[in-house]
């Protein structure tokens, strides 16, 4: 009986982890790449400005 208890502990922990994971992910909304791509575009524009406006370039 003690062996069964020791085998149930990891099983119960895995079930609890799965339940917690699904609960924690319930409010997460999928975001597209829009904000990241906008930030990258602003970064590229800033780098182009700094390269073309540098003295002696």
PDB file of N, CA and C in Angstrom:
ATOM      1  N   UNK A   1       0.821  -1.197   0.000  1.00  0.00           N
ATOM      2  CA  UNK A   1       0.000   0.000   0.000  1.00  0.00           C
ATOM      3  C   UNK A   1       0.866   1.261   0.000  1.00  0.00           C
ATOM      4  N   UNK A   2       2.019   1.203   0.654  1.00  0.00           N
ATOM      5  CA  UNK A   2       2.911   2.356   0.697  1.00  0.00           C
ATOM      6  C   UNK A   2       3.463   2.654  -0.690  1.00  0.00           C
ATOM      7  N   UNK A   3       3.709   1.602  -1.474  1.00  0.00           N
ATOM      8  CA  UNK A   3       4.213   1.808  -2.829  1.00  0.00           C
ATOM      9  C   UNK A   3       3.163   2.527  -3.668  1.00  0.00           C
ATOM     10  N   UNK A   4       1.911   2.172  -3.496  1.00  0.00           N
ATOM     11  CA  UNK A   4       0.838   2.823  -4.232  1.00  0.00           C
ATOM     12  C   UNK A   4       0.744   4.303  -3.874  1.00  0.00           C
ATOM     13  N   UNK A   5       0.927   4.615  -2.618  1.00  0.00           N
ATOM     14  CA  UNK A   5       0.906   6.016  -2.192  1.00  0.00           C
ATOM     15  C   UNK A   5       2.055   6.785  -2.835  1.00  0.00           C
ATOM     16  N   UNK A   6       3.243   6.183  -2.904  1.00  0.00           N
ATOM     17  CA  UNK A   6       4.379   6.858  -3.509  1.00  0.00           C
ATOM     18  C   UNK A   6       4.207   7.027  -5.012  1.00  0.00           C
ATOM     19  N   UNK A   7       3.459   6.144  -5.647  1.00  0.00           N
ATOM     20  CA  UNK A   7       3.199   6.291  -7.073  1.00  0.00           C
ATOM     21  C   UNK A   7       2.094   7.314  -7.341  1.00  0.00           C
ATOM     22  N   UNK A   8       1.190   7.484  -6.403  1.00  0.00           N
ATOM     23  CA  UNK A   8       0.110   8.440  -6.582  1.00  0.00           C
ATOM     24  C   UNK A   8       0.584   9.882  -6.417  1.00  0.00           C
ATOM     25  N   UNK A   9       1.615  10.098  -5.624  1.00  0.00           N
ATOM     26  CA  UNK A   9       2.093  11.463  -5.385  1.00  0.00           C
ATOM     27  C   UNK A   9       2.518  12.145  -6.688  1.00  0.00           C
ATOM     28  N   UNK A  10       3.370  11.555  -7.537  1.00  0.00           N
ATOM     29  CA  UNK A  10       3.728  12.222  -8.793  1.00  0.00           C
ATOM     30  C   UNK A  10       2.532  12.331  -9.749  1.00  0.00           C
ATOM     31  N   UNK A  11       1.647  11.339  -9.728  1.00  0.00           N
ATOM     32  CA  UNK A  11       0.471  11.394 -10.590  1.00  0.00           C
ATOM     33  C   UNK A  11      -0.429  12.565 -10.200  1.00  0.00           C
ATOM     34  N   UNK A  12      -0.675  12.742  -8.925  1.00  0.00           N
ATOM     35  CA  UNK A  12      -1.507  13.854  -8.453  1.00  0.00           C
ATOM     36  C   UNK A  12      -0.815  15.180  -8.741  1.00  0.00           C
ATOM     37  N   UNK A  13       0.499  15.224  -8.582  1.00  0.00           N
ATOM     38  CA  UNK A  13       1.237  16.454  -8.883  1.00  0.00           C
ATOM     39  C   UNK A  13       1.144  16.794 -10.372  1.00  0.00           C
ATOM     40  N   UNK A  14       1.202  15.800 -11.248  1.00  0.00           N
ATOM     41  CA  UNK A  14       1.094  16.045 -12.687  1.00  0.00           C
ATOM     42  C   UNK A  14      -0.305  16.538 -13.050  1.00  0.00           C
ATOM     43  N   UNK A  15      -1.322  15.959 -12.454  1.00  0.00           N
ATOM     44  CA  UNK A  15      -2.691  16.409 -12.713  1.00  0.00           C
ATOM     45  C   UNK A  15      -2.871  17.839 -12.210  1.00  0.00           C
ATOM     46  N   UNK A  16      -2.351  18.123 -11.019  1.00  0.00           N
ATOM     47  CA  UNK A  16      -2.459  19.477 -10.475  1.00  0.00           C
ATOM     48  C   UNK A  16      -1.706  20.480 -11.353  1.00  0.00           C
ATOM     49  N   UNK A  17      -0.540  20.100 -11.862  1.00  0.00           N
ATOM     50  CA  UNK A  17       0.221  20.996 -12.734  1.00  0.00           C
ATOM     51  C   UNK A  17      -0.532  21.250 -14.039  1.00  0.00           C
ATOM     52  N   UNK A  18      -1.161  20.235 -14.579  1.00  0.00           N
ATOM     53  CA  UNK A  18      -1.957  20.418 -15.792  1.00  0.00           C
ATOM     54  C   UNK A  18      -3.146  21.328 -15.562  1.00  0.00           C
ATOM     55  N   UNK A  19      -3.831  21.158 -14.443  1.00  0.00           N
ATOM     56  CA  UNK A  19      -4.958  22.029 -14.114  1.00  0.00           C
ATOM     57  C   UNK A  19      -4.500  23.465 -13.902  1.00  0.00           C
ATOM     58  N   UNK A  20      -3.398  23.637 -13.202  1.00  0.00           N
ATOM     59  CA  UNK A  20      -2.895  24.986 -12.959  1.00  0.00           C
ATOM     60  C   UNK A  20      -2.465  25.636 -14.277  1.00  0.00           C
ATOM     61  N   UNK A  21      -1.818  24.870 -15.145  1.00  0.00           N
ATOM     62  CA  UNK A  21      -1.386  25.414 -16.431  1.00  0.00           C
ATOM     63  C   UNK A  21      -2.562  25.863 -17.285  1.00  0.00           C
ATOM     64  N   UNK A  22      -3.614  25.076 -17.303  1.00  0.00           N
ATOM     65  CA  UNK A  22      -4.773  25.478 -18.094  1.00  0.00           C
ATOM     66  C   UNK A  22      -5.467  26.683 -17.460  1.00  0.00           C
ATOM     67  N   UNK A  23      -5.484  26.763 -16.148  1.00  0.00           N
ATOM     68  CA  UNK A  23      -6.091  27.909 -15.473  1.00  0.00           C
ATOM     69  C   UNK A  23      -5.251  29.174 -15.687  1.00  0.00           C
ATOM     70  N   UNK A  24      -3.946  29.050 -15.624  1.00  0.00           N
ATOM     71  CA  UNK A  24      -3.071  30.209 -15.790  1.00  0.00           C
ATOM     72  C   UNK A  24      -3.116  30.734 -17.216  1.00  0.00           C
ATOM     73  N   UNK A  25      -3.391  29.886 -18.178  1.00  0.00           N
ATOM     74  CA  UNK A  25      -3.389  30.285 -19.585  1.00  0.00           C
ATOM     75  C   UNK A  25      -4.774  30.715 -20.071  1.00  0.00           C
ATOM     76  N   UNK A  26      -5.757  30.733 -19.222  1.00  0.00           N
ATOM     77  CA  UNK A  26      -7.128  30.983 -19.658  1.00  0.00           C
ATOM     78  C   UNK A  26      -7.353  32.410 -20.118  1.00  0.00           C
ATOM     79  N   UNK A  27      -6.616  33.378 -19.587  1.00  0.00           N
ATOM     80  CA  UNK A  27      -6.843  34.770 -19.950  1.00  0.00           C
ATOM     81  C   UNK A  27      -5.816  35.294 -20.944  1.00  0.00           C
ATOM     82  N   UNK A  28      -4.898  34.471 -21.335  1.00  0.00           N
ATOM     83  CA  UNK A  28      -3.859  34.921 -22.253  1.00  0.00           C
ATOM     84  C   UNK A  28      -4.445  35.030 -23.649  1.00  0.00           C
ATOM     85  N   UNK A  29      -4.298  36.178 -24.247  1.00  0.00           N
ATOM     86  CA  UNK A  29      -4.792  36.403 -25.596  1.00  0.00           C
ATOM     87  C   UNK A  29      -3.622  36.295 -26.568  1.00  0.00           C
ATOM     88  N   UNK A  30      -3.908  35.758 -27.705  1.00  0.00           N
ATOM     89  CA  UNK A  30      -2.846  35.671 -28.708  1.00  0.00           C
ATOM     90  C   UNK A  30      -2.654  37.032 -29.354  1.00  0.00           C
ATOM     91  N   UNK A  31      -1.425  37.422 -29.453  1.00  0.00           N
ATOM     92  CA  UNK A  31      -1.077  38.685 -30.091  1.00  0.00           C
ATOM     93  C   UNK A  31      -0.348  38.373 -31.375  1.00  0.00           C
ATOM     94  N   UNK A  32      -0.600  39.187 -32.345  1.00  0.00           N
ATOM     95  CA  UNK A  32       0.123  39.022 -33.602  1.00  0.00           C
ATOM     96  C   UNK A  32       1.506  39.626 -33.493  1.00  0.00           C
ATOM     97  N   UNK A  33       2.172  39.669 -34.592  1.00  0.00           N
ATOM     98  CA  UNK A  33       3.515  40.240 -34.629  1.00  0.00           C
ATOM     99  C   UNK A  33       3.489  41.736 -34.869  1.00  0.00           C
ATOM    100  N   UNK A  34       2.318  42.332 -34.903  1.00  0.00           N
ATOM    101  CA  UNK A  34       2.184  43.745 -35.219  1.00  0.00           C
ATOM    102  C   UNK A  34       3.025  44.668 -34.363  1.00  0.00           C
ATOM    103  N   UNK A  35       2.891  44.649 -33.036  1.00  0.00           N
ATOM    104  CA  UNK A  35       3.681  45.570 -32.210  1.00  0.00           C
ATOM    105  C   UNK A  35       5.193  45.365 -32.349  1.00  0.00           C
ATOM    106  N   UNK A  36       5.613  44.107 -32.458  1.00  0.00           N
ATOM    107  CA  UNK A  36       7.046  43.851 -32.590  1.00  0.00           C
ATOM    108  C   UNK A  36       7.574  44.346 -33.930  1.00  0.00           C
ATOM    109  N   UNK A  37       6.795  44.136 -34.989  1.00  0.00           N
ATOM    110  CA  UNK A  37       7.235  44.597 -36.307  1.00  0.00           C
ATOM    111  C   UNK A  37       7.226  46.112 -36.389  1.00  0.00           C
ATOM    112  N   UNK A  38       6.263  46.763 -35.726  1.00  0.00           N
ATOM    113  CA  UNK A  38       6.249  48.224 -35.700  1.00  0.00           C
ATOM    114  C   UNK A  38       7.488  48.764 -34.990  1.00  0.00           C
ATOM    115  N   UNK A  39       7.846  48.139 -33.877  1.00  0.00           N
ATOM    116  CA  UNK A  39       9.045  48.565 -33.156  1.00  0.00           C
ATOM    117  C   UNK A  39      10.305  48.359 -33.985  1.00  0.00           C
ATOM    118  N   UNK A  40      10.352  47.248 -34.713  1.00  0.00           N
ATOM    119  CA  UNK A  40      11.519  46.992 -35.559  1.00  0.00           C
ATOM    120  C   UNK A  40      11.599  48.017 -36.686  1.00  0.00           C
ATOM    121  N   UNK A  41      10.454  48.394 -37.247  1.00  0.00           N
ATOM    122  CA  UNK A  41      10.451  49.399 -38.317  1.00  0.00           C
ATOM    123  C   UNK A  41      10.950  50.742 -37.785  1.00  0.00           C
ATOM    124  N   UNK A  42      10.522  51.110 -36.572  1.00  0.00           N
ATOM    125  CA  UNK A  42      11.003  52.370 -35.978  1.00  0.00           C
ATOM    126  C   UNK A  42      12.504  52.297 -35.726  1.00  0.00           C
ATOM    127  N   UNK A  43      12.987  51.155 -35.296  1.00  0.00           N
ATOM    128  CA  UNK A  43      14.417  50.973 -35.062  1.00  0.00           C
ATOM    129  C   UNK A  43      15.206  51.131 -36.362  1.00  0.00           C
ATOM    130  N   UNK A  44      14.713  50.514 -37.430  1.00  0.00           N
ATOM    131  CA  UNK A  44      15.413  50.620 -38.717  1.00  0.00           C
ATOM    132  C   UNK A  44      15.427  52.055 -39.220  1.00  0.00           C
ATOM    133  N   UNK A  45      14.291  52.763 -39.059  1.00  0.00           N
ATOM    134  CA  UNK A  45      14.250  54.158 -39.484  1.00  0.00           C
ATOM    135  C   UNK A  45      15.259  54.993 -38.699  1.00  0.00           C
ATOM    136  N   UNK A  46      15.346  54.760 -37.405  1.00  0.00           N
ATOM    137  CA  UNK A  46      16.292  55.509 -36.578  1.00  0.00           C
ATOM    138  C   UNK A  46      17.728  55.206 -36.982  1.00  0.00           C
ATOM    139  N   UNK A  47      18.012  53.949 -37.313  1.00  0.00           N
ATOM    140  CA  UNK A  47      19.365  53.593 -37.729  1.00  0.00           C
ATOM    141  C   UNK A  47      19.703  54.196 -39.091  1.00  0.00           C
ATOM    142  N   UNK A  48      18.737  54.241 -39.985  1.00  0.00           N
ATOM    143  CA  UNK A  48      18.970  54.869 -41.287  1.00  0.00           C
ATOM    144  C   UNK A  48      19.238  56.360 -41.132  1.00  0.00           C
ATOM    145  N   UNK A  49      18.496  57.011 -40.255  1.00  0.00           N
ATOM    146  CA  UNK A  49      18.700  58.443 -40.021  1.00  0.00           C
ATOM    147  C   UNK A  49      20.082  58.697 -39.443  1.00  0.00           C
ATOM    148  N   UNK A  50      20.489  57.852 -38.493  1.00  0.00           N
ATOM    149  CA  UNK A  50      21.795  58.076 -37.871  1.00  0.00           C
ATOM    150  C   UNK A  50      22.930  57.786 -38.842  1.00  0.00           C
ATOM    151  N   UNK A  51      22.738  56.844 -39.756  1.00  0.00           N
ATOM    152  CA  UNK A  51      23.811  56.507 -40.702  1.00  0.00           C
ATOM    153  C   UNK A  51      23.916  57.564 -41.793  1.00  0.00           C
ATOM    154  N   UNK A  52      22.789  58.064 -42.271  1.00  0.00           N
ATOM    155  CA  UNK A  52      22.856  59.051 -43.356  1.00  0.00           C
ATOM    156  C   UNK A  52      23.193  60.433 -42.837  1.00  0.00           C
ATOM    157  N   UNK A  53      22.882  60.721 -41.566  1.00  0.00           N
ATOM    158  CA  UNK A  53      23.139  62.047 -41.030  1.00  0.00           C
ATOM    159  C   UNK A  53      24.456  62.171 -40.300  1.00  0.00           C
ATOM    160  N   UNK A  54      25.265  61.138 -40.298  1.00  0.00           N
ATOM    161  CA  UNK A  54      26.531  61.183 -39.565  1.00  0.00           C
ATOM    162  C   UNK A  54      27.554  62.016 -40.335  1.00  0.00           C
ATOM    163  N   UNK A  55      28.286  62.894 -39.640  1.00  0.00           N
ATOM    164  CA  UNK A  55      29.290  63.703 -40.336  1.00  0.00           C
ATOM    165  C   UNK A  55      30.476  62.830 -40.772  1.00  0.00           C
ATOM    166  N   UNK A  56      30.957  63.090 -41.962  1.00  0.00           N
ATOM    167  CA  UNK A  56      32.105  62.368 -42.493  1.00  0.00           C
ATOM    168  C   UNK A  56      31.755  61.021 -43.060  1.00  0.00           C
ATOM    169  N   UNK A  57      30.498  60.733 -43.230  1.00  0.00           N
ATOM    170  CA  UNK A  57      30.117  59.424 -43.755  1.00  0.00           C
ATOM    171  C   UNK A  57      30.016  59.442 -45.254  1.00  0.00           C
TER     172      UNK A  57
END
